[in-house]
């Protein structure tokens, strides 16, 4: 079911504001830029997201979840704690079912966790668990869908 907000269940109530180093879409994972008071889309595929931080919509300006932040704009961020539920973005080409573990896709979006070549799983990199099934396997970069309800790990 489509939502119109990123924050679905907020148990932590920890929010920040930073300047965007580039375009950021509400629902994307973000990371601090080293040596600057800015943030960008999380950039490491399957990388550790610490703190788990997601951009929220700029409701103070009347913007919704489909209104991107541009570079140099003030971004509203939510620092997730375990149990917080949010409306994230699933990477193009991904397909997940309820209870799949999600990690960073390296572009601000989420992707399904799969074991590495050695059969191990890096559980410290899990960001969230899917609360719904979403199929983006036939999507392209122009696909406007891809939102997914998740619970933070």
Protein backbone atom coordinates (compact mmCIF):
# COMPACT_ATOMS: atom_id res chain seq x y z
CA UNK A 1 0.00 0.00 0.00
CA UNK A 2 1.40 3.39 -0.98
CA UNK A 3 2.29 5.76 1.84
CA UNK A 4 2.84 9.51 1.71
CA UNK A 5 5.50 9.75 4.41
CA UNK A 6 8.89 8.16 5.12
CA UNK A 7 8.36 7.92 8.89
CA UNK A 8 5.89 5.09 9.53
CA UNK A 9 6.60 4.15 13.17
CA UNK A 10 9.02 6.29 15.11
CA UNK A 11 10.32 4.95 18.40
CA UNK A 12 13.66 6.76 18.46
CA UNK A 13 12.67 10.35 17.59
CA UNK A 14 16.24 11.29 16.57
CA UNK A 15 16.34 13.77 13.69
CA UNK A 16 19.14 15.85 12.15
CA UNK A 17 19.51 18.50 9.48
CA UNK A 18 22.47 18.75 7.12
CA UNK A 19 23.28 20.30 3.75
CA UNK A 20 23.00 17.98 0.73
CA UNK A 21 26.24 17.31 -1.15
CA UNK A 22 24.16 16.20 -4.15
CA UNK A 23 20.62 15.18 -5.07
CA UNK A 24 18.89 13.10 -2.38
CA UNK A 25 15.45 11.49 -2.60
CA UNK A 26 13.36 11.03 0.56
CA UNK A 27 13.61 7.40 1.65
CA UNK A 28 17.25 7.03 0.57
CA UNK A 29 19.98 5.94 2.96
CA UNK A 30 22.44 8.76 3.64
CA UNK A 31 25.94 9.15 5.02
CA UNK A 32 27.98 12.03 6.36
CA UNK A 33 30.62 13.44 4.02
CA UNK A 34 34.06 13.32 5.64
CA UNK A 35 35.41 16.72 6.66
CA UNK A 36 32.21 18.58 5.84
CA UNK A 37 28.90 19.29 7.49
CA UNK A 38 27.06 17.68 4.56
CA UNK A 39 25.39 14.40 3.64
CA UNK A 40 25.12 12.36 0.48
CA UNK A 41 23.44 9.15 -0.67
CA UNK A 42 25.05 6.14 1.01
CA UNK A 43 27.75 5.18 -1.47
CA UNK A 44 29.15 1.78 -0.47
CA UNK A 45 27.50 -1.29 -1.96
CA UNK A 46 26.72 -3.68 0.91
CA UNK A 47 28.68 -1.28 3.13
CA UNK A 48 28.13 -0.50 6.76
CA UNK A 49 25.54 2.25 7.27
CA UNK A 50 26.40 3.82 10.59
CA UNK A 51 24.37 5.49 11.81
CA UNK A 52 21.38 4.10 9.92
CA UNK A 53 20.15 7.38 8.50
CA UNK A 54 17.38 8.03 5.98
CA UNK A 55 16.22 11.26 4.33
CA UNK A 56 12.65 12.27 5.13
CA UNK A 57 10.36 14.50 3.11
CA UNK A 58 10.62 18.27 3.57
CA UNK A 59 7.09 18.75 4.82
CA UNK A 60 7.90 22.23 6.15
CA UNK A 61 8.19 23.41 2.54
CA UNK A 62 5.10 21.44 1.46
CA UNK A 63 7.22 18.79 -0.29
CA UNK A 64 6.31 15.12 -0.38
CA UNK A 65 8.23 11.88 -0.65
CA UNK A 66 8.69 12.28 -4.42
CA UNK A 67 10.28 15.74 -4.15
CA UNK A 68 14.08 15.44 -4.26
CA UNK A 69 16.47 17.60 -2.28
CA UNK A 70 18.92 19.37 -4.58
CA UNK A 71 22.60 19.96 -3.86
CA UNK A 72 23.13 22.64 -1.18
CA UNK A 73 19.55 22.25 0.15
CA UNK A 74 18.91 21.54 3.83
CA UNK A 75 18.06 17.83 4.22
CA UNK A 76 15.92 16.44 7.02
CA UNK A 77 17.35 13.14 8.26
CA UNK A 78 16.05 10.44 10.56
CA UNK A 79 18.58 8.40 12.53
CA UNK A 80 16.93 4.99 12.77
CA UNK A 81 16.96 2.71 15.78
CA UNK A 82 15.92 -0.92 15.91
CA UNK A 83 12.18 -1.23 15.44
CA UNK A 84 11.62 2.07 13.63
CA UNK A 85 9.53 1.52 10.51
CA UNK A 86 10.17 3.54 7.38
CA UNK A 87 9.23 3.77 3.72
CA UNK A 88 12.51 3.19 1.90
CA UNK A 89 13.54 2.82 -1.71
CA UNK A 90 14.38 -0.55 -3.27
CA UNK A 91 17.07 -0.59 -5.96
CA UNK A 92 16.11 -1.27 -9.57
CA UNK A 93 16.41 -4.93 -10.51
CA UNK A 94 15.70 -6.18 -6.98
CA UNK A 95 12.88 -8.46 -5.83
CA UNK A 96 12.19 -9.08 -2.15
CA UNK A 97 9.57 -10.84 -0.04
CA UNK A 98 8.42 -10.23 3.51
CA UNK A 99 11.22 -10.88 6.06
CA UNK A 100 14.10 -10.52 3.56
CA UNK A 101 17.06 -8.71 5.09
CA UNK A 102 18.06 -5.50 3.31
CA UNK A 103 21.45 -3.82 2.89
CA UNK A 104 22.74 -0.73 1.11
CA UNK A 105 22.88 -0.94 -2.69
CA UNK A 106 25.58 1.75 -2.76
CA UNK A 107 23.32 4.40 -4.32
CA UNK A 108 21.11 5.35 -1.39
CA UNK A 109 18.69 2.53 -2.09
CA UNK A 110 18.19 -0.88 -0.46
CA UNK A 111 18.80 -4.33 -1.88
CA UNK A 112 18.27 -7.91 -0.74
CA UNK A 113 21.05 -9.42 1.37
CA UNK A 114 22.59 -12.50 -0.23
CA UNK A 115 25.47 -14.59 1.15
CA UNK A 116 28.90 -13.71 -0.22
CA UNK A 117 30.92 -16.21 -2.29
CA UNK A 118 32.22 -17.93 0.84
CA UNK A 119 28.68 -18.54 2.09
CA UNK A 120 29.05 -16.05 4.93
CA UNK A 121 26.70 -13.21 5.72
CA UNK A 122 27.89 -9.89 7.09
CA UNK A 123 25.08 -9.29 9.54
CA UNK A 124 26.58 -6.00 10.76
CA UNK A 125 25.67 -4.45 7.40
CA UNK A 126 21.95 -5.29 7.58
CA UNK A 127 19.94 -2.06 7.58
CA UNK A 128 16.37 -3.32 7.66
CA UNK A 129 13.90 -6.16 7.16
CA UNK A 130 11.25 -6.01 4.42
CA UNK A 131 7.67 -5.76 5.69
CA UNK A 132 6.17 -6.28 2.24
CA UNK A 133 6.98 -8.00 -1.03
CA UNK A 134 8.19 -5.69 -3.82
CA UNK A 135 9.29 -6.79 -7.29
CA UNK A 136 11.55 -4.36 -9.15
CA UNK A 137 13.20 -7.09 -11.26
CA UNK A 138 11.85 -5.70 -14.56
CA UNK A 139 12.34 -2.04 -13.67
CA UNK A 140 14.53 0.60 -15.20
CA UNK A 141 16.11 3.70 -13.69
CA UNK A 142 13.07 5.66 -14.88
CA UNK A 143 10.64 3.49 -12.91
CA UNK A 144 8.84 5.73 -10.38
CA UNK A 145 7.93 2.80 -8.10
CA UNK A 146 10.17 0.91 -5.74
CA UNK A 147 9.07 2.12 -2.34
CA UNK A 148 9.11 -0.53 0.37
CA UNK A 149 7.96 -0.67 3.97
CA UNK A 150 10.81 -1.79 6.24
CA UNK A 151 11.68 -2.13 9.88
CA UNK A 152 15.15 -0.96 10.96
CA UNK A 153 17.56 -3.53 12.37
